[in-house]
Amino acid sequence: MRLAKPPPSPPPSSPQTLPGGPPLIASHGLFVEAGGNTVLSGVEMEVRPGEIVTMVGPNGGGKTTLVRALLGLQPLSGGSVTRRPGLRVGYLPQRFQVDIALPITAGRFLSLASRADAAQREEILREVGAAHLIGRMLANLSGGELQRVLLARALLKQPELLILDEPDQGVDVTGRLDLFDTIAGIRSRRGCGILLISHDLHLVMSSTDRVICLNGHVCCSGHPSSVVRHPAYIDLFGTRAASGLAVYTHEHDHTHSEAPPPEGAP
């Protein structure tokens, strides 16, 4: 079964409203077909230096396929992908299976992924809040700990672009908030572009510059506060989810003045 022809994509934002100059990576009218089905249709998107772009959509909507296409791992049926010449990309995959029989520490695991010296590896683990894990066996790490080690591995390449495919897999809610804060801090310190695939727009809302809603095609895109009010987003995720996010953006899209804590507060 083929997807219905998507509505015309909204015009791209004006370049002067986006950070960092020319795109690091972009897709142009991208099509992917598999088994006679159209998986992605006419996808136009881009990531620029210094911005976090979050891609959301239902399961089976083509998010991971688009990531693979951007990385050159998925053959295209039409359209194209452009990358900045010599672009350094760090990639955290959606799934990473650890062989519990493999006796390897987090530090040794990182040493296999890069020629960085021990001090550099330790510094990057510290940056992602995982310096204490350097001597721990990879198979004994929790879901959140493993994701931080994988994030450190992605940073070893000193990337200009980070692609993080559901980095909060296997992480509890508190851990997710901490992880997304870490990712926002990486953007601030390094100035790299970040493409983040997530099921939970609520948790990444405060640090996301743009949202792309994907369901075989780009349903809508733009600032989070506008996307959650878009009819296509509401059709996919329901009015309850959209209204909750709209309240969240209203409460957080303003400057907080300094005020003393209420009486009796800890």
Foldseek 3Di string as FASTA:
>chain_A
DEDDDADDADDDDDVVVDPAPDFQKWWAQWWADDPNYTQAGGATDTWHFLAEEEEAEDVSLCPVVVVCVRVVNGDTPDTDMDGDPPFQEFEADPDDDDDLVDFDFLQRVLVVLDVDDSVLLLVLLVLLVRNVRRGPGLNPDALLNNLSSSVSSSCRSVGLEYEYEASCVRPDPVSLLSRLVSVLVCSVVSRHIYYHYHHDCQSNLVRHQKYFYTRSYGNHMGRPLVVLVDPSNCVRPNPVSSVVSNVVCVVPVDDDDDDDDPPPDD
